[in-house]
Amino acid sequence: DLPDESLAPVLAWAQERLDSPLTVSDLAARAAVSPSTLHRRFQAQLGTTPLTWLRGERLALACRLIERGEPRFEVVARRSGLGTATNLRTLMRRETGITPSAYKHRFGPEVN
């Protein structure tokens, strides 16, 4: 028997906990592997590192919260695991090229 090396269970587990502090060690422990083995599996299966994947998932969650109409960026940052509105602004601008305010204007719910 070959061990199950799929990342799907650990990815699903982490996605349910994006608002919590998560480290590579936490992900590795959940996958029952060492951090270096986890890195190798992420590279092989997803083409990225665990931290880059986690940051991307948190940013995607933040975008969904903004799209659904959460008006307070501090709440968006906290609920997506990004911590503060400052971190949200920095990451969103670096990754998308626009600020949370511009994203909200472009993709948020229409206000009539």
PDB file of N, CA and C in Angstrom:
ATOM      1  N   ASP A   1       0.831  -1.196   0.000  1.00  0.00           N
ATOM      2  CA  ASP A   1       0.000   0.000   0.000  1.00  0.00           C
ATOM      3  C   ASP A   1       0.872   1.254   0.000  1.00  0.00           C
ATOM      4  N   LEU A   2       0.502   2.182  -0.852  1.00  0.00           N
ATOM      5  CA  LEU A   2       1.182   3.470  -0.885  1.00  0.00           C
ATOM      6  C   LEU A   2       0.453   4.446   0.027  1.00  0.00           C
ATOM      7  N   PRO A   3       1.184   5.257   0.761  1.00  0.00           N
ATOM      8  CA  PRO A   3       0.512   6.252   1.608  1.00  0.00           C
ATOM      9  C   PRO A   3      -0.200   7.292   0.754  1.00  0.00           C
ATOM     10  N   ASP A   4      -1.306   7.817   1.274  1.00  0.00           N
ATOM     11  CA  ASP A   4      -2.046   8.865   0.572  1.00  0.00           C
ATOM     12  C   ASP A   4      -1.260  10.163   0.685  1.00  0.00           C
ATOM     13  N   GLU A   5      -0.789  10.673  -0.442  1.00  0.00           N
ATOM     14  CA  GLU A   5      -0.003  11.901  -0.438  1.00  0.00           C
ATOM     15  C   GLU A   5      -0.797  13.104  -0.917  1.00  0.00           C
ATOM     16  N   SER A   6      -2.094  12.940  -1.133  1.00  0.00           N
ATOM     17  CA  SER A   6      -2.928  14.046  -1.587  1.00  0.00           C
ATOM     18  C   SER A   6      -2.975  15.140  -0.532  1.00  0.00           C
ATOM     19  N   LEU A   7      -2.903  16.360  -0.999  1.00  0.00           N
ATOM     20  CA  LEU A   7      -3.012  17.504  -0.098  1.00  0.00           C
ATOM     21  C   LEU A   7      -4.462  17.887   0.176  1.00  0.00           C
ATOM     22  N   ALA A   8      -5.405  17.294  -0.526  1.00  0.00           N
ATOM     23  CA  ALA A   8      -6.810  17.698  -0.413  1.00  0.00           C
ATOM     24  C   ALA A   8      -7.314  17.759   1.028  1.00  0.00           C
ATOM     25  N   PRO A   9      -7.056  16.748   1.860  1.00  0.00           N
ATOM     26  CA  PRO A   9      -7.577  16.836   3.241  1.00  0.00           C
ATOM     27  C   PRO A   9      -6.995  18.008   4.032  1.00  0.00           C
ATOM     28  N   VAL A  10      -5.703  18.258   3.900  1.00  0.00           N
ATOM     29  CA  VAL A  10      -5.098  19.362   4.659  1.00  0.00           C
ATOM     30  C   VAL A  10      -5.526  20.711   4.084  1.00  0.00           C
ATOM     31  N   LEU A  11      -5.734  20.788   2.777  1.00  0.00           N
ATOM     32  CA  LEU A  11      -6.206  22.032   2.182  1.00  0.00           C
ATOM     33  C   LEU A  11      -7.620  22.351   2.668  1.00  0.00           C
ATOM     34  N   ALA A  12      -8.481  21.345   2.675  1.00  0.00           N
ATOM     35  CA  ALA A  12      -9.857  21.551   3.151  1.00  0.00           C
ATOM     36  C   ALA A  12      -9.857  21.956   4.614  1.00  0.00           C
ATOM     37  N   TRP A  13      -9.030  21.299   5.405  1.00  0.00           N
ATOM     38  CA  TRP A  13      -8.928  21.617   6.836  1.00  0.00           C
ATOM     39  C   TRP A  13      -8.488  23.062   7.026  1.00  0.00           C
ATOM     40  N   ALA A  14      -7.465  23.490   6.285  1.00  0.00           N
ATOM     41  CA  ALA A  14      -6.957  24.857   6.415  1.00  0.00           C
ATOM     42  C   ALA A  14      -7.984  25.877   5.940  1.00  0.00           C
ATOM     43  N   GLN A  15      -8.704  25.571   4.862  1.00  0.00           N
ATOM     44  CA  GLN A  15      -9.699  26.513   4.336  1.00  0.00           C
ATOM     45  C   GLN A  15     -10.816  26.772   5.342  1.00  0.00           C
ATOM     46  N   GLU A  16     -11.094  25.821   6.196  1.00  0.00           N
ATOM     47  CA  GLU A  16     -12.108  26.009   7.244  1.00  0.00           C
ATOM     48  C   GLU A  16     -11.585  26.848   8.404  1.00  0.00           C
ATOM     49  N   ARG A  17     -10.282  27.112   8.423  1.00  0.00           N
ATOM     50  CA  ARG A  17      -9.654  27.807   9.540  1.00  0.00           C
ATOM     51  C   ARG A  17      -8.826  29.011   9.109  1.00  0.00           C
ATOM     52  N   LEU A  18      -9.177  29.611   7.989  1.00  0.00           N
ATOM     53  CA  LEU A  18      -8.384  30.730   7.476  1.00  0.00           C
ATOM     54  C   LEU A  18      -8.340  31.902   8.447  1.00  0.00           C
ATOM     55  N   ASP A  19      -9.366  32.046   9.281  1.00  0.00           N
ATOM     56  CA  ASP A  19      -9.389  33.160  10.228  1.00  0.00           C
ATOM     57  C   ASP A  19      -8.515  32.900  11.458  1.00  0.00           C
ATOM     58  N   SER A  20      -7.965  31.705  11.563  1.00  0.00           N
ATOM     59  CA  SER A  20      -7.113  31.340  12.698  1.00  0.00           C
ATOM     60  C   SER A  20      -5.643  31.439  12.308  1.00  0.00           C
ATOM     61  N   PRO A  21      -4.785  31.637  13.300  1.00  0.00           N
ATOM     62  CA  PRO A  21      -3.352  31.611  12.989  1.00  0.00           C
ATOM     63  C   PRO A  21      -2.967  30.203  12.528  1.00  0.00           C
ATOM     64  N   LEU A  22      -2.386  30.093  11.357  1.00  0.00           N
ATOM     65  CA  LEU A  22      -1.923  28.815  10.825  1.00  0.00           C
ATOM     66  C   LEU A  22      -0.480  28.969  10.369  1.00  0.00           C
ATOM     67  N   THR A  23       0.327  27.997  10.699  1.00  0.00           N
ATOM     68  CA  THR A  23       1.722  27.992  10.283  1.00  0.00           C
ATOM     69  C   THR A  23       1.976  26.778   9.395  1.00  0.00           C
ATOM     70  N   VAL A  24       3.110  26.775   8.739  1.00  0.00           N
ATOM     71  CA  VAL A  24       3.503  25.609   7.953  1.00  0.00           C
ATOM     72  C   VAL A  24       3.590  24.392   8.868  1.00  0.00           C
ATOM     73  N   SER A  25       4.076  24.589  10.085  1.00  0.00           N
ATOM     74  CA  SER A  25       4.147  23.477  11.036  1.00  0.00           C
ATOM     75  C   SER A  25       2.763  22.929  11.361  1.00  0.00           C
ATOM     76  N   ASP A  26       1.770  23.812  11.477  1.00  0.00           N
ATOM     77  CA  ASP A  26       0.395  23.359  11.713  1.00  0.00           C
ATOM     78  C   ASP A  26      -0.104  22.517  10.545  1.00  0.00           C
ATOM     79  N   LEU A  27       0.140  22.992   9.329  1.00  0.00           N
ATOM     80  CA  LEU A  27      -0.288  22.261   8.141  1.00  0.00           C
ATOM     81  C   LEU A  27       0.435  20.921   8.044  1.00  0.00           C
ATOM     82  N   ALA A  28       1.721  20.929   8.321  1.00  0.00           N
ATOM     83  CA  ALA A  28       2.503  19.693   8.269  1.00  0.00           C
ATOM     84  C   ALA A  28       2.006  18.696   9.310  1.00  0.00           C
ATOM     85  N   ALA A  29       1.729  19.187  10.511  1.00  0.00           N
ATOM     86  CA  ALA A  29       1.221  18.297  11.563  1.00  0.00           C
ATOM     87  C   ALA A  29      -0.112  17.694  11.148  1.00  0.00           C
ATOM     88  N   ARG A  30      -0.963  18.481  10.553  1.00  0.00           N
ATOM     89  CA  ARG A  30      -2.264  17.981  10.099  1.00  0.00           C
ATOM     90  C   ARG A  30      -2.090  16.919   9.004  1.00  0.00           C
ATOM     91  N   ALA A  31      -1.100  17.110   8.147  1.00  0.00           N
ATOM     92  CA  ALA A  31      -0.825  16.157   7.078  1.00  0.00           C
ATOM     93  C   ALA A  31       0.014  14.971   7.573  1.00  0.00           C
ATOM     94  N   ALA A  32       0.474  15.052   8.819  1.00  0.00           N
ATOM     95  CA  ALA A  32       1.304  14.004   9.435  1.00  0.00           C
ATOM     96  C   ALA A  32       2.617  13.808   8.674  1.00  0.00           C
ATOM     97  N   VAL A  33       3.225  14.943   8.282  1.00  0.00           N
ATOM     98  CA  VAL A  33       4.519  14.918   7.605  1.00  0.00           C
ATOM     99  C   VAL A  33       5.380  16.030   8.185  1.00  0.00           C
ATOM    100  N   SER A  34       6.637  16.033   7.834  1.00  0.00           N
ATOM    101  CA  SER A  34       7.528  17.112   8.259  1.00  0.00           C
ATOM    102  C   SER A  34       7.262  18.350   7.414  1.00  0.00           C
ATOM    103  N   PRO A  35       7.635  19.524   7.903  1.00  0.00           N
ATOM    104  CA  PRO A  35       7.485  20.736   7.089  1.00  0.00           C
ATOM    105  C   PRO A  35       8.202  20.637   5.738  1.00  0.00           C
ATOM    106  N   SER A  36       9.375  20.012   5.695  1.00  0.00           N
ATOM    107  CA  SER A  36      10.087  19.899   4.410  1.00  0.00           C
ATOM    108  C   SER A  36       9.347  18.980   3.441  1.00  0.00           C
ATOM    109  N   THR A  37       8.763  17.898   3.952  1.00  0.00           N
ATOM    110  CA  THR A  37       7.962  17.022   3.091  1.00  0.00           C
ATOM    111  C   THR A  37       6.729  17.759   2.599  1.00  0.00           C
ATOM    112  N   LEU A  38       6.106  18.548   3.470  1.00  0.00           N
ATOM    113  CA  LEU A  38       4.944  19.326   3.060  1.00  0.00           C
ATOM    114  C   LEU A  38       5.316  20.301   1.939  1.00  0.00           C
ATOM    115  N   HIS A  39       6.450  20.977   2.079  1.00  0.00           N
ATOM    116  CA  HIS A  39       6.920  21.887   1.028  1.00  0.00           C
ATOM    117  C   HIS A  39       7.083  21.148  -0.302  1.00  0.00           C
ATOM    118  N   ARG A  40       7.699  19.982  -0.256  1.00  0.00           N
ATOM    119  CA  ARG A  40       7.897  19.214  -1.487  1.00  0.00           C
ATOM    120  C   ARG A  40       6.557  18.829  -2.118  1.00  0.00           C
ATOM    121  N   ARG A  41       5.608  18.419  -1.296  1.00  0.00           N
ATOM    122  CA  ARG A  41       4.290  18.037  -1.822  1.00  0.00           C
ATOM    123  C   ARG A  41       3.553  19.240  -2.410  1.00  0.00           C
ATOM    124  N   PHE A  42       3.637  20.376  -1.737  1.00  0.00           N
ATOM    125  CA  PHE A  42       3.001  21.586  -2.277  1.00  0.00           C
ATOM    126  C   PHE A  42       3.618  21.936  -3.629  1.00  0.00           C
ATOM    127  N   GLN A  43       4.933  21.902  -3.722  1.00  0.00           N
ATOM    128  CA  GLN A  43       5.591  22.217  -4.989  1.00  0.00           C
ATOM    129  C   GLN A  43       5.171  21.232  -6.075  1.00  0.00           C
ATOM    130  N   ALA A  44       5.132  19.957  -5.735  1.00  0.00           N
ATOM    131  CA  ALA A  44       4.805  18.931  -6.730  1.00  0.00           C
ATOM    132  C   ALA A  44       3.340  18.990  -7.155  1.00  0.00           C
ATOM    133  N   GLN A  45       2.441  19.207  -6.197  1.00  0.00           N
ATOM    134  CA  GLN A  45       1.015  19.131  -6.503  1.00  0.00           C
ATOM    135  C   GLN A  45       0.392  20.466  -6.880  1.00  0.00           C
ATOM    136  N   LEU A  46       0.902  21.557  -6.315  1.00  0.00           N
ATOM    137  CA  LEU A  46       0.291  22.860  -6.553  1.00  0.00           C
ATOM    138  C   LEU A  46       1.224  23.866  -7.217  1.00  0.00           C
ATOM    139  N   GLY A  47       2.501  23.553  -7.254  1.00  0.00           N
ATOM    140  CA  GLY A  47       3.461  24.462  -7.871  1.00  0.00           C
ATOM    141  C   GLY A  47       3.723  25.710  -7.067  1.00  0.00           C
ATOM    142  N   THR A  48       3.528  25.629  -5.764  1.00  0.00           N
ATOM    143  CA  THR A  48       3.719  26.787  -4.889  1.00  0.00           C
ATOM    144  C   THR A  48       4.141  26.301  -3.507  1.00  0.00           C
ATOM    145  N   THR A  49       4.394  27.252  -2.618  1.00  0.00           N
ATOM    146  CA  THR A  49       4.745  26.905  -1.241  1.00  0.00           C
ATOM    147  C   THR A  49       3.497  26.946  -0.360  1.00  0.00           C
ATOM    148  N   PRO A  50       3.560  26.308   0.802  1.00  0.00           N
ATOM    149  CA  PRO A  50       2.415  26.366   1.709  1.00  0.00           C
ATOM    150  C   PRO A  50       2.023  27.792   2.096  1.00  0.00           C
ATOM    151  N   LEU A  51       3.004  28.633   2.387  1.00  0.00           N
ATOM    152  CA  LEU A  51       2.671  30.004   2.802  1.00  0.00           C
ATOM    153  C   LEU A  51       2.076  30.821   1.660  1.00  0.00           C
ATOM    154  N   THR A  52       2.578  30.634   0.466  1.00  0.00           N
ATOM    155  CA  THR A  52       2.015  31.350  -0.685  1.00  0.00           C
ATOM    156  C   THR A  52       0.584  30.894  -0.928  1.00  0.00           C
ATOM    157  N   TRP A  53       0.344  29.591  -0.836  1.00  0.00           N
ATOM    158  CA  TRP A  53      -1.018  29.070  -0.996  1.00  0.00           C
ATOM    159  C   TRP A  53      -1.940  29.652   0.075  1.00  0.00           C
ATOM    160  N   LEU A  54      -1.482  29.632   1.334  1.00  0.00           N
ATOM    161  CA  LEU A  54      -2.295  30.135   2.442  1.00  0.00           C
ATOM    162  C   LEU A  54      -2.619  31.618   2.257  1.00  0.00           C
ATOM    163  N   ARG A  55      -1.637  32.401   1.873  1.00  0.00           N
ATOM    164  CA  ARG A  55      -1.854  33.830   1.624  1.00  0.00           C
ATOM    165  C   ARG A  55      -2.866  34.034   0.496  1.00  0.00           C
ATOM    166  N   GLY A  56      -2.746  33.247  -0.555  1.00  0.00           N
ATOM    167  CA  GLY A  56      -3.685  33.345  -1.667  1.00  0.00           C
ATOM    168  C   GLY A  56      -5.109  32.979  -1.270  1.00  0.00           C
ATOM    169  N   GLU A  57      -5.252  31.950  -0.455  1.00  0.00           N
ATOM    170  CA  GLU A  57      -6.577  31.547   0.024  1.00  0.00           C
ATOM    171  C   GLU A  57      -7.192  32.627   0.903  1.00  0.00           C
ATOM    172  N   ARG A  58      -6.369  33.229   1.742  1.00  0.00           N
ATOM    173  CA  ARG A  58      -6.871  34.302   2.614  1.00  0.00           C
ATOM    174  C   ARG A  58      -7.284  35.521   1.789  1.00  0.00           C
ATOM    175  N   LEU A  59      -6.503  35.851   0.789  1.00  0.00           N
ATOM    176  CA  LEU A  59      -6.853  36.980  -0.070  1.00  0.00           C
ATOM    177  C   LEU A  59      -8.141  36.688  -0.837  1.00  0.00           C
ATOM    178  N   ALA A  60      -8.291  35.468  -1.331  1.00  0.00           N
ATOM    179  CA  ALA A  60      -9.518  35.094  -2.048  1.00  0.00           C
ATOM    180  C   ALA A  60     -10.731  35.203  -1.133  1.00  0.00           C
ATOM    181  N   LEU A  61     -10.589  34.776   0.126  1.00  0.00           N
ATOM    182  CA  LEU A  61     -11.678  34.902   1.090  1.00  0.00           C
ATOM    183  C   LEU A  61     -11.989  36.370   1.344  1.00  0.00           C
ATOM    184  N   ALA A  62     -10.963  37.193   1.490  1.00  0.00           N
ATOM    185  CA  ALA A  62     -11.179  38.630   1.696  1.00  0.00           C
ATOM    186  C   ALA A  62     -11.951  39.224   0.524  1.00  0.00           C
ATOM    187  N   CYS A  63     -11.586  38.840  -0.680  1.00  0.00           N
ATOM    188  CA  CYS A  63     -12.295  39.343  -1.868  1.00  0.00           C
ATOM    189  C   CYS A  63     -13.758  38.912  -1.847  1.00  0.00           C
ATOM    190  N   ARG A  64     -14.018  37.662  -1.490  1.00  0.00           N
ATOM    191  CA  ARG A  64     -15.412  37.199  -1.420  1.00  0.00           C
ATOM    192  C   ARG A  64     -16.202  37.981  -0.374  1.00  0.00           C
ATOM    193  N   LEU A  65     -15.589  38.278   0.753  1.00  0.00           N
ATOM    194  CA  LEU A  65     -16.273  39.044   1.795  1.00  0.00           C
ATOM    195  C   LEU A  65     -16.607  40.450   1.304  1.00  0.00           C
ATOM    196  N   ILE A  66     -15.681  41.064   0.594  1.00  0.00           N
ATOM    197  CA  ILE A  66     -15.932  42.397   0.039  1.00  0.00           C
ATOM    198  C   ILE A  66     -17.040  42.315  -1.003  1.00  0.00           C
ATOM    199  N   GLU A  67     -16.984  41.307  -1.865  1.00  0.00           N
ATOM    200  CA  GLU A  67     -18.005  41.148  -2.908  1.00  0.00           C
ATOM    201  C   GLU A  67     -19.397  40.937  -2.306  1.00  0.00           C
ATOM    202  N   ARG A  68     -19.453  40.290  -1.151  1.00  0.00           N
ATOM    203  CA  ARG A  68     -20.739  40.030  -0.496  1.00  0.00           C
ATOM    204  C   ARG A  68     -21.246  41.228   0.290  1.00  0.00           C
ATOM    205  N   GLY A  69     -20.427  42.268   0.387  1.00  0.00           N
ATOM    206  CA  GLY A  69     -20.916  43.501   0.980  1.00  0.00           C
ATOM    207  C   GLY A  69     -20.415  43.845   2.364  1.00  0.00           C
ATOM    208  N   GLU A  70     -19.413  43.140   2.877  1.00  0.00           N
ATOM    209  CA  GLU A  70     -18.863  43.528   4.187  1.00  0.00           C
ATOM    210  C   GLU A  70     -18.206  44.896   4.035  1.00  0.00           C
ATOM    211  N   PRO A  71     -18.740  45.918   4.721  1.00  0.00           N
ATOM    212  CA  PRO A  71     -18.244  47.278   4.509  1.00  0.00           C
ATOM    213  C   PRO A  71     -16.981  47.628   5.302  1.00  0.00           C
ATOM    214  N   ARG A  72     -16.682  46.879   6.339  1.00  0.00           N
ATOM    215  CA  ARG A  72     -15.552  47.229   7.218  1.00  0.00           C
ATOM    216  C   ARG A  72     -14.334  46.382   6.888  1.00  0.00           C
ATOM    217  N   PHE A  73     -13.283  47.035   6.453  1.00  0.00           N
ATOM    218  CA  PHE A  73     -12.080  46.312   6.056  1.00  0.00           C
ATOM    219  C   PHE A  73     -11.385  45.650   7.236  1.00  0.00           C
ATOM    220  N   GLU A  74     -11.507  46.193   8.433  1.00  0.00           N
ATOM    221  CA  GLU A  74     -10.960  45.519   9.619  1.00  0.00           C
ATOM    222  C   GLU A  74     -11.630  44.163   9.824  1.00  0.00           C
ATOM    223  N   VAL A  75     -12.945  44.096   9.602  1.00  0.00           N
ATOM    224  CA  VAL A  75     -13.685  42.837   9.728  1.00  0.00           C
ATOM    225  C   VAL A  75     -13.257  41.870   8.626  1.00  0.00           C
ATOM    226  N   VAL A  76     -13.139  42.367   7.409  1.00  0.00           N
ATOM    227  CA  VAL A  76     -12.682  41.530   6.292  1.00  0.00           C
ATOM    228  C   VAL A  76     -11.305  40.948   6.617  1.00  0.00           C
ATOM    229  N   ALA A  77     -10.407  41.790   7.086  1.00  0.00           N
ATOM    230  CA  ALA A  77      -9.047  41.335   7.406  1.00  0.00           C
ATOM    231  C   ALA A  77      -9.055  40.287   8.508  1.00  0.00           C
ATOM    232  N   ARG A  78      -9.808  40.526   9.553  1.00  0.00           N
ATOM    233  CA  ARG A  78      -9.863  39.586  10.676  1.00  0.00           C
ATOM    234  C   ARG A  78     -10.486  38.258  10.250  1.00  0.00           C
ATOM    235  N   ARG A  79     -11.604  38.306   9.535  1.00  0.00           N
ATOM    236  CA  ARG A  79     -12.312  37.080   9.143  1.00  0.00           C
ATOM    237  C   ARG A  79     -11.564  36.273   8.090  1.00  0.00           C
ATOM    238  N   SER A  80     -10.697  36.911   7.345  1.00  0.00           N
ATOM    239  CA  SER A  80      -9.924  36.198   6.322  1.00  0.00           C
ATOM    240  C   SER A  80      -8.548  35.775   6.824  1.00  0.00           C
ATOM    241  N   GLY A  81      -8.225  36.114   8.062  1.00  0.00           N
ATOM    242  CA  GLY A  81      -6.948  35.716   8.627  1.00  0.00           C
ATOM    243  C   GLY A  81      -5.796  36.632   8.281  1.00  0.00           C
ATOM    244  N   LEU A  82      -6.096  37.779   7.676  1.00  0.00           N
ATOM    245  CA  LEU A  82      -5.041  38.719   7.321  1.00  0.00           C
ATOM    246  C   LEU A  82      -4.700  39.679   8.455  1.00  0.00           C
ATOM    247  N   GLY A  83      -5.467  39.639   9.516  1.00  0.00           N
ATOM    248  CA  GLY A  83      -5.139  40.390  10.722  1.00  0.00           C
ATOM    249  C   GLY A  83      -5.668  41.799  10.776  1.00  0.00           C
ATOM    250  N   THR A  84      -5.082  42.688   9.992  1.00  0.00           N
ATOM    251  CA  THR A  84      -5.450  44.098  10.065  1.00  0.00           C
ATOM    252  C   THR A  84      -5.795  44.645   8.685  1.00  0.00           C
ATOM    253  N   ALA A  85      -6.513  45.757   8.676  1.00  0.00           N
ATOM    254  CA  ALA A  85      -6.837  46.421   7.414  1.00  0.00           C
ATOM    255  C   ALA A  85      -5.564  46.850   6.690  1.00  0.00           C
ATOM    256  N   THR A  86      -4.542  47.209   7.432  1.00  0.00           N
ATOM    257  CA  THR A  86      -3.264  47.587   6.813  1.00  0.00           C
ATOM    258  C   THR A  86      -2.672  46.408   6.052  1.00  0.00           C
ATOM    259  N   ASN A  87      -2.692  45.232   6.672  1.00  0.00           N
ATOM    260  CA  ASN A  87      -2.186  44.038   5.982  1.00  0.00           C
ATOM    261  C   ASN A  87      -3.041  43.722   4.759  1.00  0.00           C
ATOM    262  N   LEU A  88      -4.351  43.854   4.897  1.00  0.00           N
ATOM    263  CA  LEU A  88      -5.260  43.624   3.777  1.00  0.00           C
ATOM    264  C   LEU A  88      -4.913  44.561   2.621  1.00  0.00           C
ATOM    265  N   ARG A  89      -4.763  45.844   2.911  1.00  0.00           N
ATOM    266  CA  ARG A  89      -4.447  46.826   1.867  1.00  0.00           C
ATOM    267  C   ARG A  89      -3.118  46.504   1.186  1.00  0.00           C
ATOM    268  N   THR A  90      -2.111  46.195   1.993  1.00  0.00           N
ATOM    269  CA  THR A  90      -0.785  45.903   1.444  1.00  0.00           C
ATOM    270  C   THR A  90      -0.818  44.678   0.541  1.00  0.00           C
ATOM    271  N   LEU A  91      -1.414  43.603   1.012  1.00  0.00           N
ATOM    272  CA  LEU A  91      -1.452  42.372   0.240  1.00  0.00           C
ATOM    273  C   LEU A  91      -2.315  42.514  -1.013  1.00  0.00           C
ATOM    274  N   MET A  92      -3.478  43.134  -0.865  1.00  0.00           N
ATOM    275  CA  MET A  92      -4.370  43.266  -2.011  1.00  0.00           C
ATOM    276  C   MET A  92      -3.723  44.124  -3.095  1.00  0.00           C
ATOM    277  N   ARG A  93      -3.104  45.202  -2.700  1.00  0.00           N
ATOM    278  CA  ARG A  93      -2.460  46.075  -3.690  1.00  0.00           C
ATOM    279  C   ARG A  93      -1.314  45.344  -4.381  1.00  0.00           C
ATOM    280  N   ARG A  94      -0.520  44.591  -3.607  1.00  0.00           N
ATOM    281  CA  ARG A  94       0.610  43.864  -4.183  1.00  0.00           C
ATOM    282  C   ARG A  94       0.138  42.745  -5.115  1.00  0.00           C
ATOM    283  N   GLU A  95      -0.903  42.026  -4.739  1.00  0.00           N
ATOM    284  CA  GLU A  95      -1.339  40.856  -5.498  1.00  0.00           C
ATOM    285  C   GLU A  95      -2.313  41.184  -6.632  1.00  0.00           C
ATOM    286  N   THR A  96      -3.144  42.213  -6.462  1.00  0.00           N
ATOM    287  CA  THR A  96      -4.158  42.521  -7.480  1.00  0.00           C
ATOM    288  C   THR A  96      -3.899  43.837  -8.200  1.00  0.00           C
ATOM    289  N   GLY A  97      -3.067  44.678  -7.600  1.00  0.00           N
ATOM    290  CA  GLY A  97      -2.790  45.974  -8.201  1.00  0.00           C
ATOM    291  C   GLY A  97      -3.808  47.042  -7.839  1.00  0.00           C
ATOM    292  N   ILE A  98      -4.812  46.688  -7.028  1.00  0.00           N
ATOM    293  CA  ILE A  98      -5.798  47.687  -6.604  1.00  0.00           C
ATOM    294  C   ILE A  98      -6.005  47.607  -5.101  1.00  0.00           C
ATOM    295  N   THR A  99      -6.524  48.678  -4.534  1.00  0.00           N
ATOM    296  CA  THR A  99      -6.791  48.735  -3.105  1.00  0.00           C
ATOM    297  C   THR A  99      -8.116  48.046  -2.780  1.00  0.00           C
ATOM    298  N   PRO A 100      -8.333  47.705  -1.518  1.00  0.00           N
ATOM    299  CA  PRO A 100      -9.637  47.150  -1.139  1.00  0.00           C
ATOM    300  C   PRO A 100     -10.794  48.081  -1.493  1.00  0.00           C
ATOM    301  N   SER A 101     -10.601  49.390  -1.340  1.00  0.00           N
ATOM    302  CA  SER A 101     -11.664  50.341  -1.685  1.00  0.00           C
ATOM    303  C   SER A 101     -11.993  50.278  -3.166  1.00  0.00           C
ATOM    304  N   ALA A 102     -10.964  50.234  -4.006  1.00  0.00           N
ATOM    305  CA  ALA A 102     -11.184  50.137  -5.448  1.00  0.00           C
ATOM    306  C   ALA A 102     -11.828  48.794  -5.794  1.00  0.00           C
ATOM    307  N   TYR A 103     -11.421  47.743  -5.120  1.00  0.00           N
ATOM    308  CA  TYR A 103     -12.009  46.423  -5.347  1.00  0.00           C
ATOM    309  C   TYR A 103     -13.488  46.443  -4.969  1.00  0.00           C
ATOM    310  N   LYS A 104     -13.788  47.062  -3.833  1.00  0.00           N
ATOM    311  CA  LYS A 104     -15.184  47.160  -3.377  1.00  0.00           C
ATOM    312  C   LYS A 104     -16.015  47.945  -4.384  1.00  0.00           C
ATOM    313  N   HIS A 105     -15.457  49.032  -4.875  1.00  0.00           N
ATOM    314  CA  HIS A 105     -16.172  49.864  -5.862  1.00  0.00           C
ATOM    315  C   HIS A 105     -16.442  49.072  -7.144  1.00  0.00           C
ATOM    316  N   ARG A 106     -15.458  48.291  -7.564  1.00  0.00           N
ATOM    317  CA  ARG A 106     -15.560  47.545  -8.813  1.00  0.00           C
ATOM    318  C   ARG A 106     -16.397  46.280  -8.704  1.00  0.00           C
ATOM    319  N   PHE A 107     -16.242  45.538  -7.575  1.00  0.00           N
ATOM    320  CA  PHE A 107     -16.856  44.221  -7.483  1.00  0.00           C
ATOM    321  C   PHE A 107     -17.861  44.056  -6.348  1.00  0.00           C
ATOM    322  N   GLY A 108     -17.981  45.057  -5.483  1.00  0.00           N
ATOM    323  CA  GLY A 108     -18.929  44.966  -4.378  1.00  0.00           C
ATOM    324  C   GLY A 108     -20.363  45.075  -4.844  1.00  0.00           C
ATOM    325  N   PRO A 109     -21.292  44.797  -3.947  1.00  0.00           N
ATOM    326  CA  PRO A 109     -22.708  44.898  -4.325  1.00  0.00           C
ATOM    327  C   PRO A 109     -23.072  46.340  -4.667  1.00  0.00           C
ATOM    328  N   GLU A 110     -23.967  46.482  -5.608  1.00  0.00           N
ATOM    329  CA  GLU A 110     -24.436  47.809  -6.008  1.00  0.00           C
ATOM    330  C   GLU A 110     -25.311  48.381  -4.902  1.00  0.00           C
ATOM    331  N   VAL A 111     -25.130  49.659  -4.626  1.00  0.00           N
ATOM    332  CA  VAL A 111     -25.965  50.348  -3.650  1.00  0.00           C
ATOM    333  C   VAL A 111     -26.919  51.256  -4.398  1.00  0.00           C
ATOM    334  N   ASN A 112     -28.206  51.036  -4.203  1.00  0.00           N
ATOM    335  CA  ASN A 112     -29.209  51.868  -4.892  1.00  0.00           C
ATOM    336  C   ASN A 112     -29.752  52.925  -3.981  1.00  0.00           C
TER     337      ASN A 112
END
